[in-house]
Amino acid sequence: MVSGIATAVLAAFVWGGYLYALKRYFSAYSGAVVAVVMNVCATLWYLPTAGLYLGGFPSLPPLDAMGALVTLGTIALAAAGFLTFMHAIADGDVSLVAPVAKVVPVFVLPLEVLFLQEAFGPLQVLGVVFATAAIYLANYEGGPLLEPFRNLASSRAVQLALLSAMCYAVSDVGKRLVLQDIDVPGSVWIPVSLVGAALILSPIAYRDWPAGGVREDLPLFVAAAAVVVVGRVLTTVTFSVTSASVAATIINAQAVVAVVLGGYLLAEDGFRTRLAAAALAVTGIALIAS
């Protein structure tokens, strides 16, 4: 558990820096274009490196029908979560959508308890609550604190954001199953999940492809893809050694890292709120690790 928490914290920092870089350098591109180009570049980074380290390119082991279904479903649900989130922010204000879309750990914990018979002590559950509150607060952009949830009954955008969180939650539980119960090696899961998501999102990326292409920013994509590989490795290691609820909660603290970086480096509004979110996140992680 402790080793899983350590890699999860590192993953949160890596992904938080990556989110900051996306906002700083790639905001001109659609999310699908960024995801496809980044995943392709990350795959090209990963395969030769893994081949040298492992003494050969990783290959997918034989899977029974259920194992294949869970693996494909996990990748598809992550892609669905991304697409649903993109539709949500297109339909509504980010201040309403983003906090709701980031409450993924709220759904992961009961799913894992109900279907995987995981057991957590009261301090661990409290830690998940604190860290989830931190993720919500990090994405909060003013107005009544619970306004996003008050709009659940009337706002299609907020409903889509909640659906996105649910998709990501089921995908996180599936990732835990793939890596621990189905026993797909992490070295295989990384390229499979990268390529699978790129294939699923490629029709949307094709539709949104910019007229000038991405050649001008290709060096930035290649550099950021190296960060994606590091984040994927840390995330995969985390999900392969600890519970999905702990992994999802801590890794989703990337939102806190990203907004604190944005508040400090880009002088964004609400920096004090972001610092409070960071304090909550640290408290939650400490309780999970206790």
Protein backbone atom coordinates (compact mmCIF):
# COMPACT_ATOMS: atom_id res chain seq x y z
CA MET A 1 0.00 0.00 0.00
CA VAL A 2 2.75 2.46 0.94
CA SER A 3 4.64 1.84 -2.30
CA GLY A 4 1.41 2.33 -4.22
CA ILE A 5 0.79 5.63 -2.45
CA ALA A 6 4.32 6.82 -3.27
CA THR A 7 3.90 6.12 -7.00
CA ALA A 8 0.39 7.62 -6.94
CA VAL A 9 1.72 10.87 -5.44
CA LEU A 10 4.48 10.99 -8.06
CA ALA A 11 1.88 10.32 -10.78
CA ALA A 12 -0.29 13.16 -9.46
CA PHE A 13 2.63 15.58 -9.75
CA VAL A 14 3.56 14.34 -13.23
CA TRP A 15 -0.03 14.52 -14.51
CA GLY A 16 -0.58 17.87 -12.78
CA GLY A 17 2.43 19.31 -14.61
CA TYR A 18 1.13 17.78 -17.82
CA LEU A 19 -2.29 19.41 -17.36
CA TYR A 20 -0.56 22.75 -16.80
CA ALA A 21 1.44 22.22 -20.01
CA LEU A 22 -1.74 21.37 -21.92
CA LYS A 23 -3.32 24.64 -20.84
CA ARG A 24 -0.15 26.61 -21.47
CA TYR A 25 0.91 25.19 -24.85
CA PHE A 26 -1.90 23.16 -26.47
CA SER A 27 -5.10 25.13 -25.84
CA ALA A 28 -5.41 25.93 -29.57
CA TYR A 29 -6.13 22.27 -30.39
CA SER A 30 -9.21 20.21 -29.67
CA GLY A 31 -8.97 17.64 -26.91
CA ALA A 32 -9.34 14.74 -29.35
CA VAL A 33 -6.50 16.01 -31.55
CA VAL A 34 -4.23 16.44 -28.54
CA ALA A 35 -5.11 13.00 -27.18
CA VAL A 36 -4.51 11.18 -30.48
CA VAL A 37 -1.25 12.93 -31.37
CA MET A 38 0.04 12.66 -27.81
CA ASN A 39 -0.85 8.96 -27.54
CA VAL A 40 0.82 8.14 -30.85
CA CYS A 41 3.98 10.03 -29.86
CA ALA A 42 3.94 8.41 -26.41
CA THR A 43 3.66 4.95 -27.99
CA LEU A 44 6.65 5.72 -30.20
CA TRP A 45 8.56 6.82 -27.10
CA TYR A 46 7.52 3.81 -25.05
CA LEU A 47 7.96 0.83 -27.37
CA PRO A 48 11.68 1.22 -28.16
CA THR A 49 12.45 2.07 -24.52
CA ALA A 50 10.49 -0.92 -23.23
CA GLY A 51 12.04 -3.10 -25.90
CA LEU A 52 15.53 -2.22 -24.74
CA TYR A 53 14.67 -2.56 -21.05
CA LEU A 54 12.73 -5.82 -21.39
CA GLY A 55 14.94 -7.33 -24.08
CA GLY A 56 12.09 -7.38 -26.59
CA PHE A 57 8.84 -5.65 -27.46
CA PRO A 58 5.94 -6.40 -25.07
CA SER A 59 3.13 -8.54 -26.46
CA LEU A 60 -0.40 -9.08 -25.21
CA PRO A 61 -0.78 -12.43 -23.42
CA PRO A 62 -3.66 -14.77 -24.33
CA LEU A 63 -6.93 -13.59 -22.82
CA ASP A 64 -10.19 -15.44 -22.36
CA ALA A 65 -13.41 -13.79 -23.53
CA MET A 66 -14.06 -12.11 -20.18
CA GLY A 67 -10.51 -10.80 -19.89
CA ALA A 68 -10.64 -9.36 -23.40
CA LEU A 69 -14.03 -7.78 -22.71
CA VAL A 70 -12.86 -6.14 -19.48
CA THR A 71 -9.67 -4.87 -21.14
CA LEU A 72 -11.50 -3.37 -24.13
CA GLY A 73 -14.26 -2.01 -21.91
CA THR A 74 -11.76 -0.29 -19.62
CA ILE A 75 -10.15 1.52 -22.55
CA ALA A 76 -13.51 2.38 -24.14
CA LEU A 77 -14.94 3.76 -20.88
CA ALA A 78 -11.92 6.01 -20.38
CA ALA A 79 -12.42 7.34 -23.92
CA ALA A 80 -16.15 7.76 -23.25
CA GLY A 81 -15.37 9.69 -20.07
CA PHE A 82 -13.13 12.02 -22.04
CA LEU A 83 -15.68 12.56 -24.82
CA THR A 84 -18.53 13.11 -22.38
CA PHE A 85 -16.47 15.67 -20.49
CA MET A 86 -15.66 17.51 -23.74
CA HIS A 87 -19.39 17.62 -24.59
CA ALA A 88 -20.14 18.85 -21.07
CA ILE A 89 -17.76 21.82 -21.23
CA ALA A 90 -19.07 22.62 -24.72
CA ASP A 91 -22.64 22.77 -23.37
CA GLY A 92 -22.02 24.62 -20.11
CA ASP A 93 -19.75 26.80 -18.01
CA VAL A 94 -16.49 25.22 -16.91
CA SER A 95 -17.15 26.50 -13.38
CA LEU A 96 -20.21 24.22 -13.22
CA VAL A 97 -18.85 21.25 -15.16
CA ALA A 98 -15.27 20.78 -13.95
CA PRO A 99 -15.94 20.26 -10.22
CA VAL A 100 -18.59 17.62 -10.88
CA ALA A 101 -16.50 15.82 -13.51
CA LYS A 102 -13.63 15.41 -11.03
CA VAL A 103 -15.51 13.56 -8.27
CA VAL A 104 -14.42 10.22 -9.75
CA PRO A 105 -13.19 8.76 -6.41
CA VAL A 106 -16.68 9.12 -4.92
CA PHE A 107 -17.86 6.41 -7.34
CA VAL A 108 -14.72 4.26 -7.31
CA LEU A 109 -14.84 3.54 -3.57
CA PRO A 110 -18.37 2.03 -3.42
CA LEU A 111 -17.81 0.12 -6.68
CA GLU A 112 -14.69 -1.47 -5.25
CA VAL A 113 -16.35 -2.30 -1.93
CA LEU A 114 -19.47 -3.76 -3.57
CA PHE A 115 -17.93 -5.74 -6.43
CA LEU A 116 -14.34 -6.44 -5.39
CA GLN A 117 -14.92 -6.90 -1.65
CA GLU A 118 -12.22 -4.39 -0.73
CA ALA A 119 -12.11 -3.38 2.93
CA PHE A 120 -11.10 0.06 4.15
CA GLY A 121 -10.68 1.47 7.64
CA PRO A 122 -12.49 4.65 8.71
CA LEU A 123 -9.33 6.76 8.33
CA GLN A 124 -8.84 5.57 4.75
CA VAL A 125 -12.46 6.37 3.89
CA LEU A 126 -12.10 9.80 5.52
CA GLY A 127 -8.92 10.32 3.50
CA VAL A 128 -10.79 9.58 0.27
CA VAL A 129 -13.47 12.09 1.30
CA PHE A 130 -10.88 14.78 2.08
CA ALA A 131 -8.94 14.23 -1.14
CA THR A 132 -12.14 14.20 -3.22
CA ALA A 133 -13.21 17.47 -1.57
CA ALA A 134 -9.80 18.88 -2.50
CA ILE A 135 -10.25 17.85 -6.14
CA TYR A 136 -13.70 19.47 -6.19
CA LEU A 137 -12.41 22.67 -4.56
CA ALA A 138 -9.46 22.86 -6.94
CA ASN A 139 -11.88 23.02 -9.87
CA TYR A 140 -14.30 25.43 -8.16
CA GLU A 141 -14.42 28.84 -9.83
CA GLY A 142 -16.72 30.96 -7.72
CA GLY A 143 -20.40 31.26 -6.83
CA PRO A 144 -22.24 29.10 -4.31
CA LEU A 145 -20.06 26.11 -3.40
CA LEU A 146 -22.73 23.50 -4.15
CA GLU A 147 -24.19 25.27 -7.19
CA PRO A 148 -22.88 22.64 -9.66
CA PHE A 149 -24.80 19.89 -7.85
CA ARG A 150 -27.92 22.05 -7.57
CA ASN A 151 -27.91 22.18 -11.36
CA LEU A 152 -27.98 18.38 -11.74
CA ALA A 153 -31.72 18.32 -12.35
CA SER A 154 -31.78 21.16 -14.88
CA SER A 155 -28.40 21.35 -16.60
CA ARG A 156 -27.50 18.90 -19.36
CA ALA A 157 -23.86 19.98 -19.08
CA VAL A 158 -23.69 19.08 -15.38
CA GLN A 159 -25.45 15.76 -16.06
CA LEU A 160 -22.86 14.96 -18.73
CA ALA A 161 -20.08 15.90 -16.30
CA LEU A 162 -21.48 13.45 -13.75
CA LEU A 163 -21.73 10.78 -16.45
CA SER A 164 -18.09 11.46 -17.35
CA ALA A 165 -17.05 10.94 -13.73
CA MET A 166 -18.97 7.65 -13.65
CA CYS A 167 -17.30 6.45 -16.86
CA TYR A 168 -13.86 7.24 -15.49
CA ALA A 169 -14.73 5.54 -12.18
CA VAL A 170 -15.76 2.28 -13.84
CA SER A 171 -12.68 2.51 -16.06
CA ASP A 172 -10.45 2.89 -12.99
CA VAL A 173 -11.97 -0.18 -11.39
CA GLY A 174 -11.52 -2.01 -14.69
CA LYS A 175 -7.87 -0.95 -14.78
CA ARG A 176 -7.37 -2.48 -11.36
CA LEU A 177 -9.00 -5.72 -12.59
CA VAL A 178 -6.88 -5.80 -15.75
CA LEU A 179 -3.61 -5.31 -13.91
CA GLN A 180 -4.24 -7.37 -10.77
CA ASP A 181 -6.91 -10.01 -11.41
CA ILE A 182 -6.63 -10.60 -15.16
CA ASP A 183 -2.88 -10.13 -14.70
CA VAL A 184 -2.11 -8.24 -17.90
CA PRO A 185 1.51 -7.07 -17.48
CA GLY A 186 1.91 -3.34 -17.01
CA SER A 187 4.46 -3.30 -19.84
CA VAL A 188 1.70 -4.50 -22.17
CA TRP A 189 -1.14 -2.44 -20.73
CA ILE A 190 0.62 0.88 -21.38
CA PRO A 191 0.90 0.61 -25.19
CA VAL A 192 -2.46 -1.18 -25.48
CA SER A 193 -4.25 1.59 -23.58
CA LEU A 194 -2.42 4.32 -25.53
CA VAL A 195 -3.15 2.85 -28.95
CA GLY A 196 -6.68 1.78 -28.03
CA ALA A 197 -7.67 5.27 -26.88
CA ALA A 198 -6.07 6.82 -29.98
CA LEU A 199 -8.06 4.52 -32.26
CA ILE A 200 -11.33 5.26 -30.47
CA LEU A 201 -10.79 9.02 -30.59
CA SER A 202 -9.32 9.17 -34.10
CA PRO A 203 -12.65 9.84 -35.92
CA ILE A 204 -13.24 12.91 -33.75
CA ALA A 205 -9.62 14.01 -34.15
CA TYR A 206 -10.02 13.67 -37.92
CA ARG A 207 -13.11 15.88 -37.84
CA ASP A 208 -11.37 18.49 -35.66
CA TRP A 209 -7.99 18.34 -37.41
CA PRO A 210 -6.64 21.91 -37.81
CA ALA A 211 -6.13 23.25 -41.33
CA GLY A 212 -2.44 23.81 -40.70
CA GLY A 213 -1.92 20.45 -39.05
CA VAL A 214 0.26 20.06 -35.96
CA ARG A 215 3.69 20.19 -37.61
CA GLU A 216 4.59 23.57 -36.12
CA ASP A 217 4.07 22.30 -32.57
CA LEU A 218 5.24 18.73 -33.19
CA PRO A 219 8.41 19.15 -31.04
CA LEU A 220 6.17 20.23 -28.15
CA PHE A 221 3.95 17.21 -28.68
CA VAL A 222 6.98 14.90 -28.71
CA ALA A 223 8.38 16.45 -25.53
CA ALA A 224 5.03 16.32 -23.72
CA ALA A 225 4.54 12.71 -24.84
CA ALA A 226 7.66 11.76 -22.89
CA VAL A 227 5.92 13.12 -19.79
CA VAL A 228 2.83 11.08 -20.71
CA VAL A 229 4.95 7.92 -20.79
CA VAL A 230 6.33 8.62 -17.31
CA GLY A 231 2.82 9.34 -16.03
CA ARG A 232 1.44 6.16 -17.61
CA VAL A 233 4.19 4.04 -16.08
CA LEU A 234 3.62 5.51 -12.60
CA THR A 235 -0.16 5.16 -12.94
CA THR A 236 0.12 1.56 -14.12
CA VAL A 237 2.45 0.63 -11.28
CA THR A 238 0.04 2.25 -8.80
CA PHE A 239 -3.03 0.39 -10.06
CA SER A 240 -1.11 -2.89 -10.14
CA VAL A 241 -0.15 -2.77 -6.44
CA THR A 242 -2.97 -0.97 -4.62
CA SER A 243 -6.74 -0.58 -4.63
CA ALA A 244 -8.48 1.39 -7.37
CA SER A 245 -10.10 3.82 -4.91
CA VAL A 246 -6.77 4.79 -3.33
CA ALA A 247 -5.04 5.03 -6.72
CA ALA A 248 -7.85 7.05 -8.32
CA THR A 249 -8.15 9.44 -5.38
CA ILE A 250 -4.47 10.31 -5.14
CA ILE A 251 -3.80 10.42 -8.88
CA ASN A 252 -6.82 12.68 -9.43
CA ALA A 253 -5.10 15.14 -7.09
CA GLN A 254 -3.30 16.09 -10.30
CA ALA A 255 -6.06 18.68 -10.61
CA VAL A 256 -4.82 20.32 -7.42
CA VAL A 257 -1.23 20.35 -8.71
CA ALA A 258 -2.33 21.82 -12.04
CA VAL A 259 -4.42 24.63 -10.60
CA VAL A 260 -1.80 25.57 -8.03
CA LEU A 261 0.77 25.77 -10.84
CA GLY A 262 -1.68 27.77 -12.92
CA GLY A 263 -2.45 30.13 -10.05
CA TYR A 264 1.21 30.72 -9.30
CA LEU A 265 2.78 30.73 -12.76
CA LEU A 266 -0.12 32.12 -14.81
CA ALA A 267 -1.50 34.46 -12.11
CA GLU A 268 -4.96 32.90 -12.35
CA ASP A 269 -7.75 33.96 -10.00
CA GLY A 270 -8.68 32.03 -6.88
CA PHE A 271 -5.13 31.13 -5.83
CA ARG A 272 -6.06 31.04 -2.12
CA THR A 273 -8.86 28.61 -2.85
CA ARG A 274 -6.40 26.41 -4.74
CA LEU A 275 -3.97 26.47 -1.82
CA ALA A 276 -6.79 25.38 0.50
CA ALA A 277 -7.51 22.54 -1.92
CA ALA A 278 -3.84 21.53 -1.84
CA ALA A 279 -3.91 21.43 1.97
CA LEU A 280 -7.04 19.25 1.88
CA ALA A 281 -5.40 16.92 -0.63
CA VAL A 282 -2.28 16.50 1.52
CA THR A 283 -4.47 15.79 4.56
CA GLY A 284 -6.48 13.21 2.63
CA ILE A 285 -3.38 11.43 1.33
CA ALA A 286 -1.91 11.37 4.83
CA LEU A 287 -5.10 9.74 6.17
CA ILE A 288 -5.13 7.18 3.35
CA ALA A 289 -1.54 6.27 4.15
CA SER A 290 -2.17 5.96 7.90
